[in-house]
């Protein structure tokens, strides 16, 4: 004759409780990851803006160097340093 196995209501309720806890933990983890990802995207955008601004300033500095106006400032600074001595 075959053995008969059964599951009690208490065992099923305990299993459901374990599964619900795992479900809620996973859901909370996903929500936290979404918040963190949004923060990281915002930081990435801020860094991108900073890089763009720096590129713009580099271009302005290079243009000044090409125009020769840095040389005038260097002469002025050197002349002022000689006056102070």
PDB file of N, CA and C in Angstrom:
ATOM      1  N   UNK A   1       0.810  -1.172   0.000  1.00  0.00           N
ATOM      2  CA  UNK A   1       0.000   0.000   0.000  1.00  0.00           C
ATOM      3  C   UNK A   1       0.869   1.257   0.000  1.00  0.00           C
ATOM      4  N   UNK A   2       0.407   2.322  -0.641  1.00  0.00           N
ATOM      5  CA  UNK A   2       1.176   3.559  -0.784  1.00  0.00           C
ATOM      6  C   UNK A   2       1.099   4.379   0.495  1.00  0.00           C
ATOM      7  N   UNK A   3       2.208   5.094   0.745  1.00  0.00           N
ATOM      8  CA  UNK A   3       2.215   6.011   1.887  1.00  0.00           C
ATOM      9  C   UNK A   3       1.465   7.276   1.531  1.00  0.00           C
ATOM     10  N   UNK A   4       0.767   7.838   2.472  1.00  0.00           N
ATOM     11  CA  UNK A   4       0.014   9.071   2.262  1.00  0.00           C
ATOM     12  C   UNK A   4       0.715  10.193   3.033  1.00  0.00           C
ATOM     13  N   UNK A   5       1.004  11.285   2.336  1.00  0.00           N
ATOM     14  CA  UNK A   5       1.628  12.437   2.971  1.00  0.00           C
ATOM     15  C   UNK A   5       0.660  13.607   2.905  1.00  0.00           C
ATOM     16  N   UNK A   6       0.721  14.457   3.878  1.00  0.00           N
ATOM     17  CA  UNK A   6      -0.159  15.620   3.886  1.00  0.00           C
ATOM     18  C   UNK A   6       0.594  16.832   4.423  1.00  0.00           C
ATOM     19  N   UNK A   7       0.069  17.968   4.111  1.00  0.00           N
ATOM     20  CA  UNK A   7       0.629  19.225   4.572  1.00  0.00           C
ATOM     21  C   UNK A   7      -0.415  19.894   5.453  1.00  0.00           C
ATOM     22  N   UNK A   8       0.034  20.371   6.587  1.00  0.00           N
ATOM     23  CA  UNK A   8      -0.924  21.010   7.489  1.00  0.00           C
ATOM     24  C   UNK A   8      -1.136  22.468   7.093  1.00  0.00           C
ATOM     25  N   UNK A   9      -2.229  23.004   7.557  1.00  0.00           N
ATOM     26  CA  UNK A   9      -2.539  24.404   7.320  1.00  0.00           C
ATOM     27  C   UNK A   9      -1.472  25.303   7.933  1.00  0.00           C
ATOM     28  N   UNK A  10      -0.994  24.923   9.097  1.00  0.00           N
ATOM     29  CA  UNK A  10       0.050  25.708   9.782  1.00  0.00           C
ATOM     30  C   UNK A  10       1.324  25.755   8.930  1.00  0.00           C
ATOM     31  N   UNK A  11       1.714  24.622   8.344  1.00  0.00           N
ATOM     32  CA  UNK A  11       2.906  24.583   7.495  1.00  0.00           C
ATOM     33  C   UNK A  11       2.741  25.482   6.265  1.00  0.00           C
ATOM     34  N   UNK A  12       1.559  25.452   5.676  1.00  0.00           N
ATOM     35  CA  UNK A  12       1.299  26.299   4.515  1.00  0.00           C
ATOM     36  C   UNK A  12       1.336  27.781   4.889  1.00  0.00           C
ATOM     37  N   UNK A  13       0.776  28.123   6.031  1.00  0.00           N
ATOM     38  CA  UNK A  13       0.794  29.523   6.475  1.00  0.00           C
ATOM     39  C   UNK A  13       2.215  29.993   6.779  1.00  0.00           C
ATOM     40  N   UNK A  14       3.036  29.121   7.362  1.00  0.00           N
ATOM     41  CA  UNK A  14       4.438  29.473   7.631  1.00  0.00           C
ATOM     42  C   UNK A  14       5.204  29.674   6.327  1.00  0.00           C
ATOM     43  N   UNK A  15       4.949  28.798   5.372  1.00  0.00           N
ATOM     44  CA  UNK A  15       5.609  28.929   4.063  1.00  0.00           C
ATOM     45  C   UNK A  15       5.208  30.236   3.392  1.00  0.00           C
ATOM     46  N   UNK A  16       3.906  30.554   3.463  1.00  0.00           N
ATOM     47  CA  UNK A  16       3.429  31.807   2.866  1.00  0.00           C
ATOM     48  C   UNK A  16       4.078  33.002   3.550  1.00  0.00           C
ATOM     49  N   UNK A  17       4.201  32.969   4.863  1.00  0.00           N
ATOM     50  CA  UNK A  17       4.826  34.064   5.606  1.00  0.00           C
ATOM     51  C   UNK A  17       6.284  34.252   5.174  1.00  0.00           C
ATOM     52  N   UNK A  18       6.999  33.160   5.019  1.00  0.00           N
ATOM     53  CA  UNK A  18       8.391  33.213   4.556  1.00  0.00           C
ATOM     54  C   UNK A  18       8.477  33.802   3.154  1.00  0.00           C
ATOM     55  N   UNK A  19       7.591  33.358   2.284  1.00  0.00           N
ATOM     56  CA  UNK A  19       7.586  33.867   0.913  1.00  0.00           C
ATOM     57  C   UNK A  19       7.227  35.355   0.869  1.00  0.00           C
ATOM     58  N   UNK A  20       6.260  35.774   1.680  1.00  0.00           N
ATOM     59  CA  UNK A  20       5.867  37.187   1.710  1.00  0.00           C
ATOM     60  C   UNK A  20       7.010  38.061   2.236  1.00  0.00           C
ATOM     61  N   UNK A  21       7.733  37.572   3.219  1.00  0.00           N
ATOM     62  CA  UNK A  21       8.873  38.310   3.753  1.00  0.00           C
ATOM     63  C   UNK A  21       9.952  38.473   2.683  1.00  0.00           C
ATOM     64  N   UNK A  22      10.233  37.403   1.978  1.00  0.00           N
ATOM     65  CA  UNK A  22      11.220  37.458   0.901  1.00  0.00           C
ATOM     66  C   UNK A  22      10.750  38.379  -0.223  1.00  0.00           C
ATOM     67  N   UNK A  23       9.460  38.318  -0.551  1.00  0.00           N
ATOM     68  CA  UNK A  23       8.885  39.181  -1.573  1.00  0.00           C
ATOM     69  C   UNK A  23       9.048  40.648  -1.182  1.00  0.00           C
ATOM     70  N   UNK A  24       8.700  40.978   0.054  1.00  0.00           N
ATOM     71  CA  UNK A  24       8.791  42.370   0.521  1.00  0.00           C
ATOM     72  C   UNK A  24      10.240  42.855   0.566  1.00  0.00           C
ATOM     73  N   UNK A  25      11.147  41.993   0.997  1.00  0.00           N
ATOM     74  CA  UNK A  25      12.569  42.373   1.019  1.00  0.00           C
ATOM     75  C   UNK A  25      13.084  42.644  -0.391  1.00  0.00           C
ATOM     76  N   UNK A  26      12.699  41.800  -1.329  1.00  0.00           N
ATOM     77  CA  UNK A  26      13.123  41.982  -2.724  1.00  0.00           C
ATOM     78  C   UNK A  26      12.534  43.266  -3.298  1.00  0.00           C
ATOM     79  N   UNK A  27      11.264  43.508  -3.013  1.00  0.00           N
ATOM     80  CA  UNK A  27      10.601  44.723  -3.483  1.00  0.00           C
ATOM     81  C   UNK A  27      11.287  45.974  -2.914  1.00  0.00           C
ATOM     82  N   UNK A  28      11.590  45.955  -1.626  1.00  0.00           N
ATOM     83  CA  UNK A  28      12.289  47.087  -0.999  1.00  0.00           C
ATOM     84  C   UNK A  28      13.675  47.290  -1.611  1.00  0.00           C
ATOM     85  N   UNK A  29      14.353  46.183  -1.894  1.00  0.00           N
ATOM     86  CA  UNK A  29      15.673  46.273  -2.524  1.00  0.00           C
ATOM     87  C   UNK A  29      15.599  46.913  -3.899  1.00  0.00           C
ATOM     88  N   UNK A  30      14.587  46.557  -4.657  1.00  0.00           N
ATOM     89  CA  UNK A  30      14.403  47.127  -6.000  1.00  0.00           C
ATOM     90  C   UNK A  30      14.122  48.623  -5.900  1.00  0.00           C
ATOM     91  N   UNK A  31      13.262  49.021  -4.956  1.00  0.00           N
ATOM     92  CA  UNK A  31      12.956  50.443  -4.774  1.00  0.00           C
ATOM     93  C   UNK A  31      14.213  51.228  -4.391  1.00  0.00           C
ATOM     94  N   UNK A  32      15.029  50.654  -3.502  1.00  0.00           N
ATOM     95  CA  UNK A  32      16.268  51.325  -3.100  1.00  0.00           C
ATOM     96  C   UNK A  32      17.220  51.462  -4.292  1.00  0.00           C
ATOM     97  N   UNK A  33      17.313  50.425  -5.104  1.00  0.00           N
ATOM     98  CA  UNK A  33      18.168  50.482  -6.287  1.00  0.00           C
ATOM     99  C   UNK A  33      17.692  51.550  -7.264  1.00  0.00           C
ATOM    100  N   UNK A  34      16.380  51.686  -7.415  1.00  0.00           N
ATOM    101  CA  UNK A  34      15.847  52.708  -8.318  1.00  0.00           C
ATOM    102  C   UNK A  34      16.197  54.108  -7.818  1.00  0.00           C
ATOM    103  N   UNK A  35      16.087  54.333  -6.505  1.00  0.00           N
ATOM    104  CA  UNK A  35      16.440  55.632  -5.927  1.00  0.00           C
ATOM    105  C   UNK A  35      17.929  55.898  -6.132  1.00  0.00           C
ATOM    106  N   UNK A  36      18.748  54.896  -5.831  1.00  0.00           N
ATOM    107  CA  UNK A  36      20.201  55.043  -6.004  1.00  0.00           C
ATOM    108  C   UNK A  36      20.561  55.303  -7.466  1.00  0.00           C
ATOM    109  N   UNK A  37      19.880  54.613  -8.376  1.00  0.00           N
ATOM    110  CA  UNK A  37      20.161  54.803  -9.802  1.00  0.00           C
ATOM    111  C   UNK A  37      19.810  56.226 -10.238  1.00  0.00           C
ATOM    112  N   UNK A  38      18.694  56.760  -9.740  1.00  0.00           N
ATOM    113  CA  UNK A  38      18.332  58.140 -10.071  1.00  0.00           C
ATOM    114  C   UNK A  38      19.367  59.127  -9.538  1.00  0.00           C
ATOM    115  N   UNK A  39      19.851  58.880  -8.322  1.00  0.00           N
ATOM    116  CA  UNK A  39      20.900  59.744  -7.757  1.00  0.00           C
ATOM    117  C   UNK A  39      22.160  59.685  -8.626  1.00  0.00           C
ATOM    118  N   UNK A  40      22.516  58.489  -9.042  1.00  0.00           N
ATOM    119  CA  UNK A  40      23.712  58.325  -9.870  1.00  0.00           C
ATOM    120  C   UNK A  40      23.543  59.002 -11.228  1.00  0.00           C
ATOM    121  N   UNK A  41      22.346  58.919 -11.809  1.00  0.00           N
ATOM    122  CA  UNK A  41      22.089  59.596 -13.086  1.00  0.00           C
ATOM    123  C   UNK A  41      22.198  61.108 -12.915  1.00  0.00           C
ATOM    124  N   UNK A  42      21.663  61.623 -11.807  1.00  0.00           N
ATOM    125  CA  UNK A  42      21.763  63.059 -11.546  1.00  0.00           C
ATOM    126  C   UNK A  42      23.226  63.484 -11.392  1.00  0.00           C
ATOM    127  N   UNK A  43      24.008  62.681 -10.669  1.00  0.00           N
ATOM    128  CA  UNK A  43      25.430  62.979 -10.517  1.00  0.00           C
ATOM    129  C   UNK A  43      26.148  62.932 -11.865  1.00  0.00           C
ATOM    130  N   UNK A  44      25.777  61.972 -12.694  1.00  0.00           N
ATOM    131  CA  UNK A  44      26.376  61.857 -14.023  1.00  0.00           C
ATOM    132  C   UNK A  44      26.074  63.095 -14.856  1.00  0.00           C
ATOM    133  N   UNK A  45      24.833  63.570 -14.794  1.00  0.00           N
ATOM    134  CA  UNK A  45      24.462  64.778 -15.534  1.00  0.00           C
ATOM    135  C   UNK A  45      25.223  65.994 -15.022  1.00  0.00           C
ATOM    136  N   UNK A  46      25.387  66.090 -13.700  1.00  0.00           N
ATOM    137  CA  UNK A  46      26.136  67.207 -13.129  1.00  0.00           C
ATOM    138  C   UNK A  46      27.603  67.167 -13.589  1.00  0.00           C
ATOM    139  N   UNK A  47      28.183  65.979 -13.589  1.00  0.00           N
ATOM    140  CA  UNK A  47      29.568  65.844 -14.044  1.00  0.00           C
ATOM    141  C   UNK A  47      29.697  66.181 -15.525  1.00  0.00           C
ATOM    142  N   UNK A  48      28.723  65.768 -16.300  1.00  0.00           N
ATOM    143  CA  UNK A  48      28.741  66.080 -17.726  1.00  0.00           C
ATOM    144  C   UNK A  48      28.704  67.592 -17.943  1.00  0.00           C
ATOM    145  N   UNK A  49      27.862  68.282 -17.176  1.00  0.00           N
ATOM    146  CA  UNK A  49      27.800  69.738 -17.271  1.00  0.00           C
ATOM    147  C   UNK A  49      29.122  70.382 -16.876  1.00  0.00           C
ATOM    148  N   UNK A  50      29.756  69.853 -15.847  1.00  0.00           N
ATOM    149  CA  UNK A  50      31.046  70.387 -15.412  1.00  0.00           C
ATOM    150  C   UNK A  50      32.113  70.185 -16.491  1.00  0.00           C
ATOM    151  N   UNK A  51      32.090  69.029 -17.140  1.00  0.00           N
ATOM    152  CA  UNK A  51      33.040  68.759 -18.226  1.00  0.00           C
ATOM    153  C   UNK A  51      32.806  69.728 -19.382  1.00  0.00           C
ATOM    154  N   UNK A  52      31.545  69.956 -19.727  1.00  0.00           N
ATOM    155  CA  UNK A  52      31.224  70.892 -20.810  1.00  0.00           C
ATOM    156  C   UNK A  52      31.708  72.298 -20.475  1.00  0.00           C
ATOM    157  N   UNK A  53      31.489  72.728 -19.224  1.00  0.00           N
ATOM    158  CA  UNK A  53      31.930  74.064 -18.805  1.00  0.00           C
ATOM    159  C   UNK A  53      33.448  74.166 -18.856  1.00  0.00           C
ATOM    160  N   UNK A  54      34.127  73.115 -18.410  1.00  0.00           N
ATOM    161  CA  UNK A  54      35.591  73.103 -18.443  1.00  0.00           C
ATOM    162  C   UNK A  54      36.101  73.143 -19.879  1.00  0.00           C
ATOM    163  N   UNK A  55      35.465  72.395 -20.766  1.00  0.00           N
ATOM    164  CA  UNK A  55      35.846  72.441 -22.184  1.00  0.00           C
ATOM    165  C   UNK A  55      35.689  73.852 -22.738  1.00  0.00           C
ATOM    166  N   UNK A  56      34.615  74.518 -22.354  1.00  0.00           N
ATOM    167  CA  UNK A  56      34.385  75.891 -22.815  1.00  0.00           C
ATOM    168  C   UNK A  56      35.491  76.816 -22.308  1.00  0.00           C
ATOM    169  N   UNK A  57      35.856  76.684 -21.033  1.00  0.00           N
ATOM    170  CA  UNK A  57      36.911  77.526 -20.469  1.00  0.00           C
ATOM    171  C   UNK A  57      38.270  77.238 -21.112  1.00  0.00           C
ATOM    172  N   UNK A  58      38.523  75.964 -21.412  1.00  0.00           N
ATOM    173  CA  UNK A  58      39.773  75.602 -22.096  1.00  0.00           C
ATOM    174  C   UNK A  58      39.822  76.257 -23.469  1.00  0.00           C
ATOM    175  N   UNK A  59      38.693  76.223 -24.177  1.00  0.00           N
ATOM    176  CA  UNK A  59      38.641  76.841 -25.508  1.00  0.00           C
ATOM    177  C   UNK A  59      38.881  78.342 -25.415  1.00  0.00           C
ATOM    178  N   UNK A  60      38.296  78.994 -24.390  1.00  0.00           N
ATOM    179  CA  UNK A  60      38.506  80.437 -24.204  1.00  0.00           C
ATOM    180  C   UNK A  60      39.980  80.716 -23.905  1.00  0.00           C
ATOM    181  N   UNK A  61      40.583  79.903 -23.037  1.00  0.00           N
ATOM    182  CA  UNK A  61      41.991  80.088 -22.689  1.00  0.00           C
ATOM    183  C   UNK A  61      42.886  79.890 -23.911  1.00  0.00           C
ATOM    184  N   UNK A  62      42.580  78.890 -24.726  1.00  0.00           N
ATOM    185  CA  UNK A  62      43.378  78.664 -25.942  1.00  0.00           C
ATOM    186  C   UNK A  62      43.246  79.838 -26.903  1.00  0.00           C
ATOM    187  N   UNK A  63      42.043  80.369 -27.020  1.00  0.00           N
ATOM    188  CA  UNK A  63      41.826  81.512 -27.907  1.00  0.00           C
ATOM    189  C   UNK A  63      42.618  82.726 -27.430  1.00  0.00           C
ATOM    190  N   UNK A  64      42.647  82.943 -26.117  1.00  0.00           N
ATOM    191  CA  UNK A  64      43.447  84.041 -25.579  1.00  0.00           C
ATOM    192  C   UNK A  64      44.921  83.839 -25.914  1.00  0.00           C
ATOM    193  N   UNK A  65      45.381  82.606 -25.795  1.00  0.00           N
ATOM    194  CA  UNK A  65      46.770  82.321 -26.125  1.00  0.00           C
ATOM    195  C   UNK A  65      47.058  82.577 -27.595  1.00  0.00           C
ATOM    196  N   UNK A  66      46.113  82.244 -28.463  1.00  0.00           N
ATOM    197  CA  UNK A  66      46.289  82.467 -29.895  1.00  0.00           C
ATOM    198  C   UNK A  66      46.251  83.954 -30.236  1.00  0.00           C
ATOM    199  N   UNK A  67      45.438  84.699 -29.500  1.00  0.00           N
ATOM    200  CA  UNK A  67      45.333  86.138 -29.752  1.00  0.00           C
ATOM    201  C   UNK A  67      46.542  86.907 -29.229  1.00  0.00           C
ATOM    202  N   UNK A  68      47.348  86.274 -28.398  1.00  0.00           N
ATOM    203  CA  UNK A  68      48.544  86.924 -27.886  1.00  0.00           C
ATOM    204  C   UNK A  68      48.297  87.820 -26.694  1.00  0.00           C
ATOM    205  N   UNK A  69      47.096  87.845 -26.160  1.00  0.00           N
ATOM    206  CA  UNK A  69      46.841  88.743 -25.040  1.00  0.00           C
ATOM    207  C   UNK A  69      47.413  88.239 -23.721  1.00  0.00           C
ATOM    208  N   UNK A  70      47.827  86.976 -23.666  1.00  0.00           N
ATOM    209  CA  UNK A  70      48.498  86.510 -22.451  1.00  0.00           C
ATOM    210  C   UNK A  70      49.871  87.157 -22.336  1.00  0.00           C
ATOM    211  N   UNK A  71      50.518  87.391 -23.457  1.00  0.00           N
ATOM    212  CA  UNK A  71      51.855  87.974 -23.434  1.00  0.00           C
ATOM    213  C   UNK A  71      51.820  89.371 -22.831  1.00  0.00           C
ATOM    214  N   UNK A  72      50.782  90.117 -23.116  1.00  0.00           N
ATOM    215  CA  UNK A  72      50.645  91.463 -22.548  1.00  0.00           C
ATOM    216  C   UNK A  72      50.514  91.354 -21.030  1.00  0.00           C
ATOM    217  N   UNK A  73      49.722  90.439 -20.551  1.00  0.00           N
ATOM    218  CA  UNK A  73      49.549  90.265 -19.115  1.00  0.00           C
ATOM    219  C   UNK A  73      50.847  89.818 -18.462  1.00  0.00           C
ATOM    220  N   UNK A  74      51.609  88.936 -19.116  1.00  0.00           N
ATOM    221  CA  UNK A  74      52.879  88.486 -18.562  1.00  0.00           C
ATOM    222  C   UNK A  74      53.836  89.667 -18.409  1.00  0.00           C
ATOM    223  N   UNK A  75      53.883  90.540 -19.410  1.00  0.00           N
ATOM    224  CA  UNK A  75      54.755  91.707 -19.338  1.00  0.00           C
ATOM    225  C   UNK A  75      54.326  92.620 -18.196  1.00  0.00           C
ATOM    226  N   UNK A  76      53.038  92.800 -18.014  1.00  0.00           N
ATOM    227  CA  UNK A  76      52.525  93.650 -16.941  1.00  0.00           C
ATOM    228  C   UNK A  76      52.889  93.070 -15.581  1.00  0.00           C
ATOM    229  N   UNK A  77      52.721  91.778 -15.423  1.00  0.00           N
ATOM    230  CA  UNK A  77      53.040  91.130 -14.151  1.00  0.00           C
ATOM    231  C   UNK A  77      54.532  91.245 -13.868  1.00  0.00           C
ATOM    232  N   UNK A  78      55.354  91.045 -14.871  1.00  0.00           N
ATOM    233  CA  UNK A  78      56.813  91.147 -14.682  1.00  0.00           C
ATOM    234  C   UNK A  78      57.199  92.579 -14.338  1.00  0.00           C
ATOM    235  N   UNK A  79      56.565  93.545 -14.966  1.00  0.00           N
ATOM    236  CA  UNK A  79      56.883  94.962 -14.692  1.00  0.00           C
ATOM    237  C   UNK A  79      56.471  95.320 -13.275  1.00  0.00           C
ATOM    238  N   UNK A  80      55.338  94.838 -12.824  1.00  0.00           N
ATOM    239  CA  UNK A  80      54.880  95.124 -11.465  1.00  0.00           C
ATOM    240  C   UNK A  80      55.790  94.452 -10.450  1.00  0.00           C
ATOM    241  N   UNK A  81      56.295  93.276 -10.763  1.00  0.00           N
ATOM    242  CA  UNK A  81      57.215  92.581  -9.849  1.00  0.00           C
ATOM    243  C   UNK A  81      58.525  93.350  -9.733  1.00  0.00           C
ATOM    244  N   UNK A  82      59.012  93.939 -10.816  1.00  0.00           N
ATOM    245  CA  UNK A  82      60.253  94.707 -10.770  1.00  0.00           C
ATOM    246  C   UNK A  82      60.078  95.983  -9.943  1.00  0.00           C
ATOM    247  N   UNK A  83      58.911  96.625 -10.040  1.00  0.00           N
ATOM    248  CA  UNK A  83      58.624  97.837  -9.277  1.00  0.00           C
ATOM    249  C   UNK A  83      58.610  97.549  -7.772  1.00  0.00           C
ATOM    250  N   UNK A  84      58.146  96.379  -7.383  1.00  0.00           N
ATOM    251  CA  UNK A  84      58.054  96.024  -5.966  1.00  0.00           C
ATOM    252  C   UNK A  84      59.426  95.775  -5.374  1.00  0.00           C
ATOM    253  N   UNK A  85      60.403  95.408  -6.184  1.00  0.00           N
ATOM    254  CA  UNK A  85      61.758  95.128  -5.683  1.00  0.00           C
ATOM    255  C   UNK A  85      62.434  96.408  -5.394  1.00  0.00           C
TER     256      UNK A  85
END
